[in-house]
Amino acid sequence: MATLPDEPDYERLDRLVAVVEQGLSSCVGPSGTLFALDWQHPSYRFAPQEVGGPGQPAWPLSPYPDGDYYIFLTEDFRIGSFGHPWEESLCLFGGELLDVAATEVDKVLGPPIRRSGKAVGPA
């Protein structure tokens, strides 16, 4: 993930953010909400269907951990993402989210470094 913000057009970074946001949105459905947590900063509860589109406010945080831990969670904790700024990693969890987003995230970032907590690739 370290090279994503260095690209002149941010194409891969934008694609990563879009895939994770779309995945989270599809998993919570039309009336669901998410928590967006930013360590030592304001956190949010929001409906993903009401942000990010034309004429709507932006998502309150990005899934990309730009210097802070960024966490998105459903209210029942069944799916989410955890962006780790120093490890420069993004963890997606919950079978439903993995089903809709993991393949595209792997295309952007390459093979995962861990699956189910076990190392599977280079760190």
Protein backbone atom coordinates (compact mmCIF):
# COMPACT_ATOMS: atom_id res chain seq x y z
CA MET A 1 0.00 0.00 0.00
CA ALA A 2 2.96 2.32 0.49
CA THR A 3 3.25 3.13 -3.22
CA LEU A 4 -0.43 4.00 -3.77
CA PRO A 5 -0.24 7.72 -2.86
CA ASP A 6 2.96 8.16 -4.90
CA GLU A 7 1.25 7.44 -8.21
CA PRO A 8 0.70 10.65 -10.17
CA ASP A 9 -2.94 9.93 -11.02
CA TYR A 10 -3.87 7.94 -7.85
CA GLU A 11 -5.59 5.38 -10.08
CA ARG A 12 -4.88 2.36 -7.87
CA LEU A 13 -5.60 4.27 -4.65
CA ASP A 14 -8.92 5.54 -6.02
CA ARG A 15 -9.79 2.01 -7.18
CA LEU A 16 -8.99 0.54 -3.75
CA VAL A 17 -11.14 3.12 -1.97
CA ALA A 18 -14.02 2.63 -4.41
CA VAL A 19 -13.95 -1.18 -4.10
CA VAL A 20 -13.96 -1.13 -0.30
CA GLU A 21 -16.66 1.56 -0.10
CA GLN A 22 -18.84 -0.29 -2.64
CA GLY A 23 -18.33 -3.56 -0.80
CA LEU A 24 -19.26 -2.08 2.57
CA SER A 25 -22.28 -0.32 1.05
CA SER A 26 -23.57 -3.47 -0.59
CA CYS A 27 -23.17 -5.49 2.61
CA VAL A 28 -25.14 -3.10 4.82
CA GLY A 29 -27.97 -2.74 2.32
CA PRO A 30 -30.24 0.22 1.63
CA SER A 31 -31.08 1.06 5.24
CA GLY A 32 -27.96 -0.10 7.13
CA THR A 33 -25.38 2.03 8.86
CA LEU A 34 -21.66 1.84 9.52
CA PHE A 35 -19.35 3.13 12.19
CA ALA A 36 -16.25 4.93 10.90
CA LEU A 37 -13.59 5.08 13.61
CA ASP A 38 -10.48 7.24 13.50
CA TRP A 39 -8.14 6.81 16.44
CA GLN A 40 -7.98 10.02 18.57
CA HIS A 41 -10.28 11.91 16.18
CA PRO A 42 -14.05 12.20 15.76
CA SER A 43 -15.79 9.00 14.78
CA TYR A 44 -19.01 8.66 12.82
CA ARG A 45 -22.15 6.62 12.41
CA PHE A 46 -23.50 7.02 8.89
CA ALA A 47 -25.61 5.43 6.18
CA PRO A 48 -23.31 4.61 3.24
CA GLN A 49 -26.21 4.97 0.80
CA GLU A 50 -26.45 8.66 1.76
CA VAL A 51 -22.81 9.58 1.05
CA GLY A 52 -20.38 9.51 -1.84
CA GLY A 53 -22.82 10.05 -4.68
CA PRO A 54 -23.61 13.11 -6.78
CA GLY A 55 -24.92 15.91 -4.57
CA GLN A 56 -24.13 13.91 -1.41
CA PRO A 57 -21.45 14.51 1.20
CA ALA A 58 -18.25 12.46 0.95
CA TRP A 59 -17.61 9.40 3.08
CA PRO A 60 -16.48 10.62 6.51
CA LEU A 61 -13.17 8.70 6.27
CA SER A 62 -11.27 6.75 3.66
CA PRO A 63 -10.57 3.04 3.99
CA TYR A 64 -6.95 3.90 3.12
CA PRO A 65 -5.05 4.43 6.41
CA ASP A 66 -3.43 7.79 5.69
CA GLY A 67 -1.43 8.19 8.91
CA ASP A 68 -4.09 6.93 11.34
CA TYR A 69 -5.92 3.71 12.03
CA TYR A 70 -9.19 3.80 10.06
CA ILE A 71 -11.85 1.26 10.97
CA PHE A 72 -15.24 0.67 9.38
CA LEU A 73 -17.67 -1.63 11.19
CA THR A 74 -21.27 -2.66 10.87
CA GLU A 75 -23.21 -2.13 14.08
CA ASP A 76 -23.29 -5.88 14.70
CA PHE A 77 -19.52 -6.19 13.99
CA ARG A 78 -20.11 -8.86 11.32
CA ILE A 79 -18.13 -7.07 8.59
CA GLY A 80 -15.62 -4.28 8.36
CA SER A 81 -12.19 -3.05 7.44
CA PHE A 82 -9.15 -2.12 9.49
CA GLY A 83 -6.50 0.11 7.94
CA HIS A 84 -3.14 -0.06 9.72
CA PRO A 85 -0.98 2.99 8.89
CA TRP A 86 2.45 1.77 10.04
CA GLU A 87 2.12 -1.75 8.72
CA GLU A 88 0.60 -0.23 5.58
CA SER A 89 -2.03 -2.92 5.43
CA LEU A 90 -5.76 -3.16 4.99
CA CYS A 91 -7.68 -5.98 6.65
CA LEU A 92 -11.16 -6.87 5.40
CA PHE A 93 -13.26 -9.17 7.54
CA GLY A 94 -16.60 -10.89 7.33
CA GLY A 95 -17.42 -13.48 4.71
CA GLU A 96 -19.95 -11.30 2.91
CA LEU A 97 -17.47 -8.43 2.46
CA LEU A 98 -14.71 -10.79 1.37
CA ASP A 99 -17.04 -12.35 -1.18
CA VAL A 100 -17.79 -9.00 -2.83
CA ALA A 101 -14.46 -7.14 -2.44
CA ALA A 102 -11.46 -9.42 -1.88
CA THR A 103 -10.79 -10.31 -5.52
CA GLU A 104 -10.73 -6.67 -6.62
CA VAL A 105 -8.67 -5.59 -3.58
CA ASP A 106 -6.14 -8.32 -4.43
CA LYS A 107 -5.95 -6.96 -8.00
CA VAL A 108 -5.02 -3.53 -6.63
CA LEU A 109 -2.73 -4.55 -3.77
CA GLY A 110 -1.46 -7.95 -4.84
CA PRO A 111 -1.69 -11.14 -2.81
CA PRO A 112 -2.66 -10.81 0.85
CA ILE A 113 0.02 -10.95 3.54
CA ARG A 114 -2.33 -12.82 5.92
CA ARG A 115 -5.51 -14.89 5.74
CA SER A 116 -7.40 -15.68 8.93
CA GLY A 117 -4.45 -14.30 10.92
CA LYS A 118 -1.84 -16.57 9.34
CA ALA A 119 0.98 -15.29 7.15
CA VAL A 120 0.54 -16.24 3.48
CA GLY A 121 2.71 -13.75 1.60
CA PRO A 122 5.45 -11.14 1.93
CA ALA A 123 4.92 -8.47 4.58
